[in-house]
Amino acid sequence: QVQLVESGGGSVQAGGSLRLSCAASGYTYSSYSMGWFRQTPGKEHEGVALIDIDGTTRYADSVKGRFTISRDNAKNTLYLQMNSLKPEDTAMYYCAARRASLGFAWPLVPRFWGDYWGQGTQVTVSS
């Protein structure tokens, strides 16, 4: 059974930092590209950061220079280090896994990117 379990969310003041984790199980983690997405009520999923099986990364313009995605294949865990947080970063954050054979392009429709999705972890940034 495939599971993606996010953790590390919480409430922080603007300028602060959080580190999200996503523990994966039930599939061959090293064969899947991984990504972080976020969603606020009434809006579509938004791509935040992606990481391919070879470590190649892509970021949304809104988080470049502030967020860092990484993966530990030995621990089957995905991370998102978020620094210099802004109120507009407030959202539910989800991790997702996608077969690497499907390619690594930035998603046109983010909600269709992942083969598997976690349940999400809430991040709230106050001004």
C-alpha atoms as a PDB file:
ATOM      1  CA  GLN A   1       0.000   0.000   0.000  1.00  0.00           C
ATOM      2  CA  VAL A   2       1.439   3.323  -1.095  1.00  0.00           C
ATOM      3  CA  GLN A   3       1.670   5.992   1.575  1.00  0.00           C
ATOM      4  CA  LEU A   4       2.976   9.540   1.515  1.00  0.00           C
ATOM      5  CA  VAL A   5       2.859  11.175   4.929  1.00  0.00           C
ATOM      6  CA  GLU A   6       3.725  14.845   5.300  1.00  0.00           C
ATOM      7  CA  SER A   7       4.855  16.459   8.526  1.00  0.00           C
ATOM      8  CA  GLY A   8       6.517  19.635   9.743  1.00  0.00           C
ATOM      9  CA  GLY A   9       3.811  22.158   9.051  1.00  0.00           C
ATOM     10  CA  GLY A  10       2.746  24.753  11.581  1.00  0.00           C
ATOM     11  CA  SER A  11       2.355  28.432  12.307  1.00  0.00           C
ATOM     12  CA  VAL A  12       5.234  30.859  11.953  1.00  0.00           C
ATOM     13  CA  GLN A  13       5.737  34.578  11.659  1.00  0.00           C
ATOM     14  CA  ALA A  14       6.804  36.194   8.425  1.00  0.00           C
ATOM     15  CA  GLY A  15      10.534  35.817   7.901  1.00  0.00           C
ATOM     16  CA  GLY A  16      10.634  32.530   9.749  1.00  0.00           C
ATOM     17  CA  SER A  17      11.484  29.031   8.557  1.00  0.00           C
ATOM     18  CA  LEU A  18       9.908  25.600   8.463  1.00  0.00           C
ATOM     19  CA  ARG A  19      11.088  22.232   7.182  1.00  0.00           C
ATOM     20  CA  LEU A  20       8.514  19.897   5.732  1.00  0.00           C
ATOM     21  CA  SER A  21       9.079  16.164   5.432  1.00  0.00           C
ATOM     22  CA  CYS A  22       7.298  13.521   3.396  1.00  0.00           C
ATOM     23  CA  ALA A  23       7.819   9.885   4.332  1.00  0.00           C
ATOM     24  CA  ALA A  24       7.131   7.501   1.458  1.00  0.00           C
ATOM     25  CA  SER A  25       6.412   3.791   1.524  1.00  0.00           C
ATOM     26  CA  GLY A  26       4.875   1.053  -0.589  1.00  0.00           C
ATOM     27  CA  TYR A  27       6.647   1.741  -3.878  1.00  0.00           C
ATOM     28  CA  THR A  28      10.141   2.056  -5.310  1.00  0.00           C
ATOM     29  CA  TYR A  29      10.905   5.559  -4.095  1.00  0.00           C
ATOM     30  CA  SER A  30      14.121   5.982  -6.065  1.00  0.00           C
ATOM     31  CA  SER A  31      12.253   5.421  -9.360  1.00  0.00           C
ATOM     32  CA  TYR A  32       9.867   8.296  -8.822  1.00  0.00           C
ATOM     33  CA  SER A  33      10.198  12.018  -9.259  1.00  0.00           C
ATOM     34  CA  MET A  34       8.892  13.871  -6.217  1.00  0.00           C
ATOM     35  CA  GLY A  35       7.220  17.204  -5.778  1.00  0.00           C
ATOM     36  CA  TRP A  36       5.739  19.653  -3.335  1.00  0.00           C
ATOM     37  CA  PHE A  37       2.477  21.391  -4.138  1.00  0.00           C
ATOM     38  CA  ARG A  38       0.250  23.743  -2.200  1.00  0.00           C
ATOM     39  CA  GLN A  39      -3.372  24.740  -2.211  1.00  0.00           C
ATOM     40  CA  THR A  40      -5.443  27.431  -0.563  1.00  0.00           C
ATOM     41  CA  PRO A  41      -9.239  27.228  -0.227  1.00  0.00           C
ATOM     42  CA  GLY A  42     -11.030  27.876  -3.497  1.00  0.00           C
ATOM     43  CA  LYS A  43      -7.880  27.745  -5.594  1.00  0.00           C
ATOM     44  CA  GLU A  44      -6.205  25.128  -7.728  1.00  0.00           C
ATOM     45  CA  HIS A  45      -3.124  23.216  -6.697  1.00  0.00           C
ATOM     46  CA  GLU A  46       0.060  25.196  -7.297  1.00  0.00           C
ATOM     47  CA  GLY A  47       3.413  23.612  -8.027  1.00  0.00           C
ATOM     48  CA  VAL A  48       6.091  24.625  -5.520  1.00  0.00           C
ATOM     49  CA  ALA A  49       9.149  22.479  -6.193  1.00  0.00           C
ATOM     50  CA  LEU A  50      10.066  19.270  -7.999  1.00  0.00           C
ATOM     51  CA  ILE A  51      13.030  16.929  -7.740  1.00  0.00           C
ATOM     52  CA  ASP A  52      13.896  14.230 -10.231  1.00  0.00           C
ATOM     53  CA  ILE A  53      15.503  10.852  -9.547  1.00  0.00           C
ATOM     54  CA  ASP A  54      18.932  12.299 -10.412  1.00  0.00           C
ATOM     55  CA  GLY A  55      18.513  15.285  -8.103  1.00  0.00           C
ATOM     56  CA  THR A  56      17.556  17.816 -10.758  1.00  0.00           C
ATOM     57  CA  THR A  57      15.258  20.427  -9.233  1.00  0.00           C
ATOM     58  CA  ARG A  58      12.708  22.921 -10.460  1.00  0.00           C
ATOM     59  CA  TYR A  59      11.024  25.709  -8.512  1.00  0.00           C
ATOM     60  CA  ALA A  60       8.103  28.034  -8.875  1.00  0.00           C
ATOM     61  CA  ASP A  61       9.285  31.614  -9.411  1.00  0.00           C
ATOM     62  CA  SER A  62       7.514  32.651  -6.217  1.00  0.00           C
ATOM     63  CA  VAL A  63       9.750  30.453  -4.040  1.00  0.00           C
ATOM     64  CA  LYS A  64      13.095  30.533  -5.851  1.00  0.00           C
ATOM     65  CA  GLY A  65      15.898  31.507  -3.512  1.00  0.00           C
ATOM     66  CA  ARG A  66      13.765  30.860  -0.432  1.00  0.00           C
ATOM     67  CA  PHE A  67      12.759  27.188  -0.633  1.00  0.00           C
ATOM     68  CA  THR A  68      14.968  24.139  -1.158  1.00  0.00           C
ATOM     69  CA  ILE A  69      13.706  20.697  -2.096  1.00  0.00           C
ATOM     70  CA  SER A  70      15.788  17.619  -1.349  1.00  0.00           C
ATOM     71  CA  ARG A  71      15.385  13.875  -1.118  1.00  0.00           C
ATOM     72  CA  ASP A  72      17.023  11.099   0.868  1.00  0.00           C
ATOM     73  CA  ASN A  73      16.628   7.862  -1.076  1.00  0.00           C
ATOM     74  CA  ALA A  74      18.072   5.827   1.801  1.00  0.00           C
ATOM     75  CA  LYS A  75      15.275   7.048   4.060  1.00  0.00           C
ATOM     76  CA  ASN A  76      12.559   7.269   1.386  1.00  0.00           C
ATOM     77  CA  THR A  77      11.955  10.826   2.514  1.00  0.00           C
ATOM     78  CA  LEU A  78      11.379  14.095   0.722  1.00  0.00           C
ATOM     79  CA  TYR A  79      12.074  17.482   2.297  1.00  0.00           C
ATOM     80  CA  LEU A  80      11.193  21.099   1.707  1.00  0.00           C
ATOM     81  CA  GLN A  81      13.236  23.701   3.569  1.00  0.00           C
ATOM     82  CA  MET A  82      11.279  26.931   3.598  1.00  0.00           C
ATOM     83  CA  ASN A  83      13.059  30.138   4.601  1.00  0.00           C
ATOM     84  CA  SER A  84      12.022  33.786   4.594  1.00  0.00           C
ATOM     85  CA  LEU A  85       8.399  32.745   4.723  1.00  0.00           C
ATOM     86  CA  LYS A  86       5.746  35.209   3.628  1.00  0.00           C
ATOM     87  CA  PRO A  87       2.031  35.380   4.457  1.00  0.00           C
ATOM     88  CA  GLU A  88       1.284  34.417   0.845  1.00  0.00           C
ATOM     89  CA  ASP A  89       3.015  31.082   1.484  1.00  0.00           C
ATOM     90  CA  THR A  90       0.112  30.128   3.744  1.00  0.00           C
ATOM     91  CA  ALA A  91      -1.473  26.971   2.307  1.00  0.00           C
ATOM     92  CA  MET A  92      -1.924  23.250   2.678  1.00  0.00           C
ATOM     93  CA  TYR A  93       1.256  21.635   1.401  1.00  0.00           C
ATOM     94  CA  TYR A  94       1.173  18.249  -0.299  1.00  0.00           C
ATOM     95  CA  CYS A  95       3.886  15.938  -1.502  1.00  0.00           C
ATOM     96  CA  ALA A  96       3.409  13.849  -4.609  1.00  0.00           C
ATOM     97  CA  ALA A  97       5.217  11.075  -6.446  1.00  0.00           C
ATOM     98  CA  ARG A  98       5.313  10.586 -10.201  1.00  0.00           C
ATOM     99  CA  ARG A  99       6.889   7.795 -12.236  1.00  0.00           C
ATOM    100  CA  ALA A 100      10.158   9.165 -13.620  1.00  0.00           C
ATOM    101  CA  SER A 101       9.379   7.573 -16.996  1.00  0.00           C
ATOM    102  CA  LEU A 102       6.588  10.132 -17.467  1.00  0.00           C
ATOM    103  CA  GLY A 103       9.052  12.998 -17.739  1.00  0.00           C
ATOM    104  CA  PHE A 104      10.034  15.947 -15.566  1.00  0.00           C
ATOM    105  CA  ALA A 105       8.371  18.969 -17.158  1.00  0.00           C
ATOM    106  CA  TRP A 106       6.773  21.616 -14.933  1.00  0.00           C
ATOM    107  CA  PRO A 107       3.095  20.660 -14.730  1.00  0.00           C
ATOM    108  CA  LEU A 108       0.550  22.662 -16.716  1.00  0.00           C
ATOM    109  CA  VAL A 109      -2.192  21.273 -14.487  1.00  0.00           C
ATOM    110  CA  PRO A 110      -0.551  20.550 -11.124  1.00  0.00           C
ATOM    111  CA  ARG A 111      -3.324  18.404  -9.689  1.00  0.00           C
ATOM    112  CA  PHE A 112      -2.677  15.834 -12.457  1.00  0.00           C
ATOM    113  CA  TRP A 113       1.070  15.630 -11.866  1.00  0.00           C
ATOM    114  CA  GLY A 114       1.330  12.935  -9.213  1.00  0.00           C
ATOM    115  CA  ASP A 115       0.591   9.230  -9.349  1.00  0.00           C
ATOM    116  CA  TYR A 116       0.391   9.350  -5.565  1.00  0.00           C
ATOM    117  CA  TRP A 117      -0.436  12.156  -3.154  1.00  0.00           C
ATOM    118  CA  GLY A 118      -0.138  12.699   0.559  1.00  0.00           C
ATOM    119  CA  GLN A 119      -2.843  14.094   2.815  1.00  0.00           C
ATOM    120  CA  GLY A 120      -1.142  17.427   3.330  1.00  0.00           C
ATOM    121  CA  THR A 121       0.290  19.528   6.134  1.00  0.00           C
ATOM    122  CA  GLN A 122      -0.868  23.056   6.902  1.00  0.00           C
ATOM    123  CA  VAL A 123       1.534  25.984   6.830  1.00  0.00           C
ATOM    124  CA  THR A 124       0.342  29.315   8.211  1.00  0.00           C
ATOM    125  CA  VAL A 125       2.505  32.433   8.026  1.00  0.00           C
ATOM    126  CA  SER A 126       1.371  35.493   9.942  1.00  0.00           C
ATOM    127  CA  SER A 127       2.484  39.045   9.247  1.00  0.00           C
END
